[in-house]
């Protein structure tokens, strides 16, 4: 049965998708602010993946977990950058076809499902690990909500549909948390799979969004995310 804390955390994380969508559909969001949020999220996510998720997954799953981590990494690349060639975080300003937006939604639904698996697996490994995983997921769910809603708007869908797409992403996260304990391979290797997904989101999705831009604000935001992770981990007794 799903841990009550994990289910509550999944619901909170799911709401972040809708919040991100509302930021795009209800108001014009500052590009500089979105870039800073993406950079900060990337720093926190990279830290969680390397310091918490990977070591814990390798302890639990041994050498096989390393392959699962790789599979998780490759799965996101397949769904977001091979099957869906046009994909990036943040607000979409170019006109797209309906099929591109729907393909991106499918890829993100799979990713959000694994987010739910990560939450359940994190709390199964311990409350401190679970809390850090949730914090990392919430941070990147806001730009993901913004991404899918702006893709839908750019493809000609109504604002209601854009918000509905973000809500679907949140539902996938809750579903992932619920079924993890019911499927033995997910319960055993869910954290390893999630570690690969988290690393891809941070290093291959988020970092390229800001690393070519000039100025000190974005690098400082990135390292700030790493520092906040270290402080949070210490406060949780890590």
C-alpha atoms as a PDB file:
ATOM      1  CA  UNK A   1       0.000   0.000   0.000  1.00  0.00           C
ATOM      2  CA  UNK A   2       1.318   3.426  -0.858  1.00  0.00           C
ATOM      3  CA  UNK A   3       2.917   5.343   2.006  1.00  0.00           C
ATOM      4  CA  UNK A   4       0.611   8.180   3.103  1.00  0.00           C
ATOM      5  CA  UNK A   5       3.473  10.680   3.028  1.00  0.00           C
ATOM      6  CA  UNK A   6       4.395   9.589  -0.495  1.00  0.00           C
ATOM      7  CA  UNK A   7       0.811   9.994  -1.724  1.00  0.00           C
ATOM      8  CA  UNK A   8       0.498  13.457  -0.173  1.00  0.00           C
ATOM      9  CA  UNK A   9       3.855  14.453  -1.672  1.00  0.00           C
ATOM     10  CA  UNK A  10       2.725  13.198  -5.093  1.00  0.00           C
ATOM     11  CA  UNK A  11      -0.403  15.346  -4.871  1.00  0.00           C
ATOM     12  CA  UNK A  12       1.686  18.399  -3.933  1.00  0.00           C
ATOM     13  CA  UNK A  13       4.064  17.703  -6.816  1.00  0.00           C
ATOM     14  CA  UNK A  14       1.130  17.269  -9.196  1.00  0.00           C
ATOM     15  CA  UNK A  15      -0.216  20.692  -8.217  1.00  0.00           C
ATOM     16  CA  UNK A  16       3.119  22.221  -9.271  1.00  0.00           C
ATOM     17  CA  UNK A  17       2.374  21.174 -12.873  1.00  0.00           C
ATOM     18  CA  UNK A  18      -0.879  23.109 -12.794  1.00  0.00           C
ATOM     19  CA  UNK A  19       0.792  26.119 -11.164  1.00  0.00           C
ATOM     20  CA  UNK A  20       3.383  26.162 -13.947  1.00  0.00           C
ATOM     21  CA  UNK A  21       0.639  26.015 -16.567  1.00  0.00           C
ATOM     22  CA  UNK A  22      -1.294  28.827 -14.877  1.00  0.00           C
ATOM     23  CA  UNK A  23       1.780  31.038 -14.990  1.00  0.00           C
ATOM     24  CA  UNK A  24       1.734  30.812 -18.780  1.00  0.00           C
ATOM     25  CA  UNK A  25      -2.012  30.811 -19.416  1.00  0.00           C
ATOM     26  CA  UNK A  26      -2.961  33.556 -16.948  1.00  0.00           C
ATOM     27  CA  UNK A  27      -0.112  36.055 -17.310  1.00  0.00           C
ATOM     28  CA  UNK A  28       3.014  36.909 -19.263  1.00  0.00           C
ATOM     29  CA  UNK A  29       5.949  35.309 -17.430  1.00  0.00           C
ATOM     30  CA  UNK A  30       9.358  36.986 -17.365  1.00  0.00           C
ATOM     31  CA  UNK A  31      11.893  35.051 -19.444  1.00  0.00           C
ATOM     32  CA  UNK A  32      14.688  36.066 -17.070  1.00  0.00           C
ATOM     33  CA  UNK A  33      12.734  34.791 -14.066  1.00  0.00           C
ATOM     34  CA  UNK A  34      11.954  31.507 -15.819  1.00  0.00           C
ATOM     35  CA  UNK A  35      15.630  31.061 -16.767  1.00  0.00           C
ATOM     36  CA  UNK A  36      16.690  31.648 -13.173  1.00  0.00           C
ATOM     37  CA  UNK A  37      14.134  29.110 -11.930  1.00  0.00           C
ATOM     38  CA  UNK A  38      15.332  26.551 -14.476  1.00  0.00           C
ATOM     39  CA  UNK A  39      18.993  27.080 -13.508  1.00  0.00           C
ATOM     40  CA  UNK A  40      18.205  26.804  -9.802  1.00  0.00           C
ATOM     41  CA  UNK A  41      16.153  23.639 -10.384  1.00  0.00           C
ATOM     42  CA  UNK A  42      18.976  22.090 -12.423  1.00  0.00           C
ATOM     43  CA  UNK A  43      21.466  22.593  -9.586  1.00  0.00           C
ATOM     44  CA  UNK A  44      19.140  21.045  -7.027  1.00  0.00           C
ATOM     45  CA  UNK A  45      18.236  18.131  -9.325  1.00  0.00           C
ATOM     46  CA  UNK A  46      21.845  17.292 -10.215  1.00  0.00           C
ATOM     47  CA  UNK A  47      22.723  17.248  -6.524  1.00  0.00           C
ATOM     48  CA  UNK A  48      19.808  15.010  -5.579  1.00  0.00           C
ATOM     49  CA  UNK A  49      20.572  12.577  -8.411  1.00  0.00           C
ATOM     50  CA  UNK A  50      24.282  12.203  -7.598  1.00  0.00           C
ATOM     51  CA  UNK A  51      24.298  12.444  -3.805  1.00  0.00           C
ATOM     52  CA  UNK A  52      21.010  10.812  -2.774  1.00  0.00           C
ATOM     53  CA  UNK A  53      19.282   8.822  -5.492  1.00  0.00           C
ATOM     54  CA  UNK A  54      22.182   7.045  -7.207  1.00  0.00           C
ATOM     55  CA  UNK A  55      24.026   5.890  -4.069  1.00  0.00           C
ATOM     56  CA  UNK A  56      20.796   4.692  -2.464  1.00  0.00           C
ATOM     57  CA  UNK A  57      19.751   2.877  -5.653  1.00  0.00           C
ATOM     58  CA  UNK A  58      23.132   1.140  -5.964  1.00  0.00           C
ATOM     59  CA  UNK A  59      23.008   0.027  -2.332  1.00  0.00           C
ATOM     60  CA  UNK A  60      19.529  -1.406  -2.829  1.00  0.00           C
ATOM     61  CA  UNK A  61      19.949  -2.878  -6.311  1.00  0.00           C
ATOM     62  CA  UNK A  62      23.667  -3.520  -6.700  1.00  0.00           C
ATOM     63  CA  UNK A  63      25.353  -3.490 -10.104  1.00  0.00           C
ATOM     64  CA  UNK A  64      22.061  -4.117 -11.902  1.00  0.00           C
ATOM     65  CA  UNK A  65      20.802  -0.771 -10.632  1.00  0.00           C
ATOM     66  CA  UNK A  66      23.486   0.965 -12.709  1.00  0.00           C
ATOM     67  CA  UNK A  67      21.895  -0.465 -15.856  1.00  0.00           C
ATOM     68  CA  UNK A  68      18.463   0.666 -14.691  1.00  0.00           C
ATOM     69  CA  UNK A  69      19.842   4.178 -14.152  1.00  0.00           C
ATOM     70  CA  UNK A  70      21.118   4.143 -17.740  1.00  0.00           C
ATOM     71  CA  UNK A  71      17.769   2.842 -19.015  1.00  0.00           C
ATOM     72  CA  UNK A  72      15.979   5.684 -17.232  1.00  0.00           C
ATOM     73  CA  UNK A  73      18.308   8.227 -18.815  1.00  0.00           C
ATOM     74  CA  UNK A  74      17.883   6.769 -22.308  1.00  0.00           C
ATOM     75  CA  UNK A  75      14.105   6.438 -21.938  1.00  0.00           C
ATOM     76  CA  UNK A  76      13.689  10.186 -21.452  1.00  0.00           C
ATOM     77  CA  UNK A  77      15.908  10.911 -24.443  1.00  0.00           C
ATOM     78  CA  UNK A  78      13.785   8.544 -26.532  1.00  0.00           C
ATOM     79  CA  UNK A  79      10.458  10.066 -25.516  1.00  0.00           C
ATOM     80  CA  UNK A  80      11.471  13.734 -25.494  1.00  0.00           C
ATOM     81  CA  UNK A  81      14.180  14.121 -28.131  1.00  0.00           C
ATOM     82  CA  UNK A  82      13.908  11.178 -30.528  1.00  0.00           C
ATOM     83  CA  UNK A  83      10.182  10.530 -30.861  1.00  0.00           C
ATOM     84  CA  UNK A  84       9.539  14.241 -30.248  1.00  0.00           C
ATOM     85  CA  UNK A  85      12.268  16.218 -32.069  1.00  0.00           C
ATOM     86  CA  UNK A  86      10.956  19.641 -31.011  1.00  0.00           C
ATOM     87  CA  UNK A  87      11.143  19.908 -27.236  1.00  0.00           C
ATOM     88  CA  UNK A  88      12.535  22.395 -24.769  1.00  0.00           C
ATOM     89  CA  UNK A  89      11.648  23.783 -21.375  1.00  0.00           C
ATOM     90  CA  UNK A  90       9.993  27.143 -20.967  1.00  0.00           C
ATOM     91  CA  UNK A  91       7.468  29.121 -22.936  1.00  0.00           C
ATOM     92  CA  UNK A  92       6.945  28.115 -26.563  1.00  0.00           C
ATOM     93  CA  UNK A  93       6.618  31.066 -28.923  1.00  0.00           C
ATOM     94  CA  UNK A  94       6.659  29.300 -32.317  1.00  0.00           C
ATOM     95  CA  UNK A  95       3.579  27.894 -33.997  1.00  0.00           C
ATOM     96  CA  UNK A  96       3.370  24.102 -33.767  1.00  0.00           C
ATOM     97  CA  UNK A  97       1.118  21.411 -35.153  1.00  0.00           C
ATOM     98  CA  UNK A  98      -1.355  19.554 -32.937  1.00  0.00           C
ATOM     99  CA  UNK A  99       0.615  16.339 -33.399  1.00  0.00           C
ATOM    100  CA  UNK A 100       3.833  17.842 -32.012  1.00  0.00           C
ATOM    101  CA  UNK A 101       2.051  19.100 -28.902  1.00  0.00           C
ATOM    102  CA  UNK A 102       0.328  15.736 -28.376  1.00  0.00           C
ATOM    103  CA  UNK A 103       3.619  13.852 -28.865  1.00  0.00           C
ATOM    104  CA  UNK A 104       5.290  16.094 -26.299  1.00  0.00           C
ATOM    105  CA  UNK A 105       2.402  15.460 -23.903  1.00  0.00           C
ATOM    106  CA  UNK A 106       2.808  11.690 -24.268  1.00  0.00           C
ATOM    107  CA  UNK A 107       6.539  11.932 -23.609  1.00  0.00           C
ATOM    108  CA  UNK A 108       5.998  14.112 -20.547  1.00  0.00           C
ATOM    109  CA  UNK A 109       3.252  11.820 -19.196  1.00  0.00           C
ATOM    110  CA  UNK A 110       5.763   8.951 -19.174  1.00  0.00           C
ATOM    111  CA  UNK A 111       8.283  11.195 -17.448  1.00  0.00           C
ATOM    112  CA  UNK A 112       5.710  12.355 -14.870  1.00  0.00           C
ATOM    113  CA  UNK A 113       4.783   8.747 -14.142  1.00  0.00           C
ATOM    114  CA  UNK A 114       8.419   8.064 -13.260  1.00  0.00           C
ATOM    115  CA  UNK A 115       8.378  11.160 -11.037  1.00  0.00           C
ATOM    116  CA  UNK A 116       5.662   9.433  -9.030  1.00  0.00           C
ATOM    117  CA  UNK A 117       7.764   6.286  -8.887  1.00  0.00           C
ATOM    118  CA  UNK A 118      10.671   8.411  -7.617  1.00  0.00           C
ATOM    119  CA  UNK A 119       8.538   9.883  -4.848  1.00  0.00           C
ATOM    120  CA  UNK A 120       7.302   6.490  -3.655  1.00  0.00           C
ATOM    121  CA  UNK A 121      10.778   4.952  -3.936  1.00  0.00           C
ATOM    122  CA  UNK A 122      12.350   7.897  -2.145  1.00  0.00           C
ATOM    123  CA  UNK A 123      10.058   7.612   0.856  1.00  0.00           C
ATOM    124  CA  UNK A 124      10.582   3.851   0.886  1.00  0.00           C
ATOM    125  CA  UNK A 125      14.320   4.551   1.264  1.00  0.00           C
ATOM    126  CA  UNK A 126      13.691   7.003   4.114  1.00  0.00           C
ATOM    127  CA  UNK A 127      11.891  10.222   4.939  1.00  0.00           C
ATOM    128  CA  UNK A 128      14.994  12.368   4.334  1.00  0.00           C
ATOM    129  CA  UNK A 129      15.554  10.889   0.858  1.00  0.00           C
ATOM    130  CA  UNK A 130      11.864  11.202   0.058  1.00  0.00           C
ATOM    131  CA  UNK A 131      11.732  14.844   1.125  1.00  0.00           C
ATOM    132  CA  UNK A 132      14.744  15.771  -1.008  1.00  0.00           C
ATOM    133  CA  UNK A 133      13.353  13.905  -4.014  1.00  0.00           C
ATOM    134  CA  UNK A 134      10.006  15.690  -3.673  1.00  0.00           C
ATOM    135  CA  UNK A 135      11.696  19.073  -3.411  1.00  0.00           C
ATOM    136  CA  UNK A 136      13.653  18.379  -6.580  1.00  0.00           C
ATOM    137  CA  UNK A 137      10.575  17.175  -8.446  1.00  0.00           C
ATOM    138  CA  UNK A 138       8.435  20.155  -7.421  1.00  0.00           C
ATOM    139  CA  UNK A 139      11.166  22.542  -8.612  1.00  0.00           C
ATOM    140  CA  UNK A 140      11.198  21.137 -12.129  1.00  0.00           C
ATOM    141  CA  UNK A 141       7.462  20.465 -12.362  1.00  0.00           C
ATOM    142  CA  UNK A 142       6.677  24.186 -12.513  1.00  0.00           C
ATOM    143  CA  UNK A 143       8.693  24.736 -15.734  1.00  0.00           C
ATOM    144  CA  UNK A 144       7.305  21.454 -17.089  1.00  0.00           C
ATOM    145  CA  UNK A 145       3.777  22.714 -16.528  1.00  0.00           C
ATOM    146  CA  UNK A 146       4.739  25.942 -18.283  1.00  0.00           C
ATOM    147  CA  UNK A 147       6.261  23.941 -21.115  1.00  0.00           C
ATOM    148  CA  UNK A 148       3.278  21.732 -21.895  1.00  0.00           C
ATOM    149  CA  UNK A 149       0.761  24.572 -21.611  1.00  0.00           C
ATOM    150  CA  UNK A 150       2.770  26.855 -23.897  1.00  0.00           C
ATOM    151  CA  UNK A 151       3.201  24.011 -26.400  1.00  0.00           C
ATOM    152  CA  UNK A 152      -0.561  23.497 -26.421  1.00  0.00           C
ATOM    153  CA  UNK A 153      -1.224  27.211 -26.882  1.00  0.00           C
ATOM    154  CA  UNK A 154       1.363  27.399 -29.685  1.00  0.00           C
ATOM    155  CA  UNK A 155      -0.396  24.475 -31.379  1.00  0.00           C
ATOM    156  CA  UNK A 156      -3.722  26.325 -31.309  1.00  0.00           C
ATOM    157  CA  UNK A 157      -5.402  24.614 -28.349  1.00  0.00           C
ATOM    158  CA  UNK A 158      -7.566  26.667 -25.974  1.00  0.00           C
ATOM    159  CA  UNK A 159      -6.319  27.770 -22.552  1.00  0.00           C
ATOM    160  CA  UNK A 160      -8.629  25.266 -20.879  1.00  0.00           C
ATOM    161  CA  UNK A 161      -7.009  22.447 -22.853  1.00  0.00           C
ATOM    162  CA  UNK A 162      -3.541  23.736 -21.933  1.00  0.00           C
ATOM    163  CA  UNK A 163      -4.426  23.623 -18.228  1.00  0.00           C
ATOM    164  CA  UNK A 164      -5.982  20.180 -18.717  1.00  0.00           C
ATOM    165  CA  UNK A 165      -2.753  18.889 -20.253  1.00  0.00           C
ATOM    166  CA  UNK A 166      -0.822  20.066 -17.186  1.00  0.00           C
ATOM    167  CA  UNK A 167      -3.396  18.417 -14.915  1.00  0.00           C
ATOM    168  CA  UNK A 168      -2.901  15.162 -16.850  1.00  0.00           C
ATOM    169  CA  UNK A 169       0.830  15.358 -16.094  1.00  0.00           C
ATOM    170  CA  UNK A 170       0.035  15.732 -12.411  1.00  0.00           C
ATOM    171  CA  UNK A 171      -2.323  12.759 -12.540  1.00  0.00           C
ATOM    172  CA  UNK A 172       0.444  10.640 -14.081  1.00  0.00           C
ATOM    173  CA  UNK A 173       2.683  11.504 -11.112  1.00  0.00           C
ATOM    174  CA  UNK A 174       0.035  10.432  -8.601  1.00  0.00           C
ATOM    175  CA  UNK A 175      -0.546   7.207 -10.561  1.00  0.00           C
ATOM    176  CA  UNK A 176       3.193   6.454 -10.534  1.00  0.00           C
ATOM    177  CA  UNK A 177       3.316   6.847  -6.751  1.00  0.00           C
ATOM    178  CA  UNK A 178       0.262   4.638  -6.261  1.00  0.00           C
ATOM    179  CA  UNK A 179       1.321   1.695  -8.439  1.00  0.00           C
ATOM    180  CA  UNK A 180       4.976   1.536  -7.353  1.00  0.00           C
ATOM    181  CA  UNK A 181       4.280  -0.702  -4.371  1.00  0.00           C
ATOM    182  CA  UNK A 182       1.983  -2.884  -6.492  1.00  0.00           C
ATOM    183  CA  UNK A 183       4.579  -3.719  -9.168  1.00  0.00           C
ATOM    184  CA  UNK A 184       7.573  -5.614  -7.789  1.00  0.00           C
ATOM    185  CA  UNK A 185      10.211  -4.397 -10.319  1.00  0.00           C
ATOM    186  CA  UNK A 186       9.177  -0.782  -9.707  1.00  0.00           C
ATOM    187  CA  UNK A 187       9.319  -1.248  -5.958  1.00  0.00           C
ATOM    188  CA  UNK A 188      12.841  -2.684  -6.221  1.00  0.00           C
ATOM    189  CA  UNK A 189      14.371  -0.583  -9.002  1.00  0.00           C
ATOM    190  CA  UNK A 190      12.115   2.465  -9.045  1.00  0.00           C
ATOM    191  CA  UNK A 191      14.708   4.686  -7.388  1.00  0.00           C
ATOM    192  CA  UNK A 192      17.363   3.633  -9.926  1.00  0.00           C
ATOM    193  CA  UNK A 193      15.013   4.317 -12.851  1.00  0.00           C
ATOM    194  CA  UNK A 194      14.116   7.664 -11.332  1.00  0.00           C
ATOM    195  CA  UNK A 195      17.771   8.557 -10.811  1.00  0.00           C
ATOM    196  CA  UNK A 196      18.437   8.174 -14.535  1.00  0.00           C
ATOM    197  CA  UNK A 197      15.377  10.260 -15.387  1.00  0.00           C
ATOM    198  CA  UNK A 198      16.325  12.959 -12.859  1.00  0.00           C
ATOM    199  CA  UNK A 199      19.877  13.150 -14.181  1.00  0.00           C
ATOM    200  CA  UNK A 200      18.609  13.539 -17.748  1.00  0.00           C
ATOM    201  CA  UNK A 201      16.124  16.245 -16.817  1.00  0.00           C
ATOM    202  CA  UNK A 202      18.818  18.187 -14.959  1.00  0.00           C
ATOM    203  CA  UNK A 203      21.873  17.729 -17.180  1.00  0.00           C
ATOM    204  CA  UNK A 204      20.381  17.244 -20.646  1.00  0.00           C
ATOM    205  CA  UNK A 205      17.133  19.221 -20.465  1.00  0.00           C
ATOM    206  CA  UNK A 206      17.574  22.053 -18.006  1.00  0.00           C
ATOM    207  CA  UNK A 207      21.299  22.923 -18.177  1.00  0.00           C
ATOM    208  CA  UNK A 208      21.364  23.455 -21.980  1.00  0.00           C
ATOM    209  CA  UNK A 209      18.475  25.909 -21.579  1.00  0.00           C
ATOM    210  CA  UNK A 210      20.714  28.452 -19.842  1.00  0.00           C
ATOM    211  CA  UNK A 211      24.387  27.482 -20.180  1.00  0.00           C
ATOM    212  CA  UNK A 212      24.965  29.448 -23.401  1.00  0.00           C
ATOM    213  CA  UNK A 213      23.483  32.655 -21.983  1.00  0.00           C
ATOM    214  CA  UNK A 214      25.763  35.418 -20.711  1.00  0.00           C
ATOM    215  CA  UNK A 215      26.001  36.923 -17.256  1.00  0.00           C
ATOM    216  CA  UNK A 216      26.518  35.679 -13.714  1.00  0.00           C
ATOM    217  CA  UNK A 217      22.904  35.421 -12.571  1.00  0.00           C
ATOM    218  CA  UNK A 218      22.213  32.025 -14.116  1.00  0.00           C
ATOM    219  CA  UNK A 219      25.438  30.299 -12.940  1.00  0.00           C
ATOM    220  CA  UNK A 220      24.782  31.736  -9.484  1.00  0.00           C
ATOM    221  CA  UNK A 221      21.241  30.351  -9.601  1.00  0.00           C
ATOM    222  CA  UNK A 222      22.581  26.942 -10.632  1.00  0.00           C
ATOM    223  CA  UNK A 223      25.137  26.785  -7.833  1.00  0.00           C
ATOM    224  CA  UNK A 224      22.536  28.219  -5.491  1.00  0.00           C
ATOM    225  CA  UNK A 225      20.415  25.157  -6.160  1.00  0.00           C
ATOM    226  CA  UNK A 226      23.366  22.939  -5.236  1.00  0.00           C
ATOM    227  CA  UNK A 227      23.979  24.920  -2.048  1.00  0.00           C
ATOM    228  CA  UNK A 228      20.326  24.751  -1.023  1.00  0.00           C
ATOM    229  CA  UNK A 229      20.421  20.980  -1.511  1.00  0.00           C
ATOM    230  CA  UNK A 230      23.455  20.707   0.760  1.00  0.00           C
ATOM    231  CA  UNK A 231      21.814  22.878   3.432  1.00  0.00           C
ATOM    232  CA  UNK A 232      18.532  20.970   3.219  1.00  0.00           C
ATOM    233  CA  UNK A 233      20.315  17.631   3.399  1.00  0.00           C
ATOM    234  CA  UNK A 234      22.258  18.726   6.475  1.00  0.00           C
ATOM    235  CA  UNK A 235      19.090  20.005   8.122  1.00  0.00           C
ATOM    236  CA  UNK A 236      17.442  16.620   7.485  1.00  0.00           C
ATOM    237  CA  UNK A 237      20.370  14.823   9.101  1.00  0.00           C
ATOM    238  CA  UNK A 238      22.016  13.611   5.904  1.00  0.00           C
END
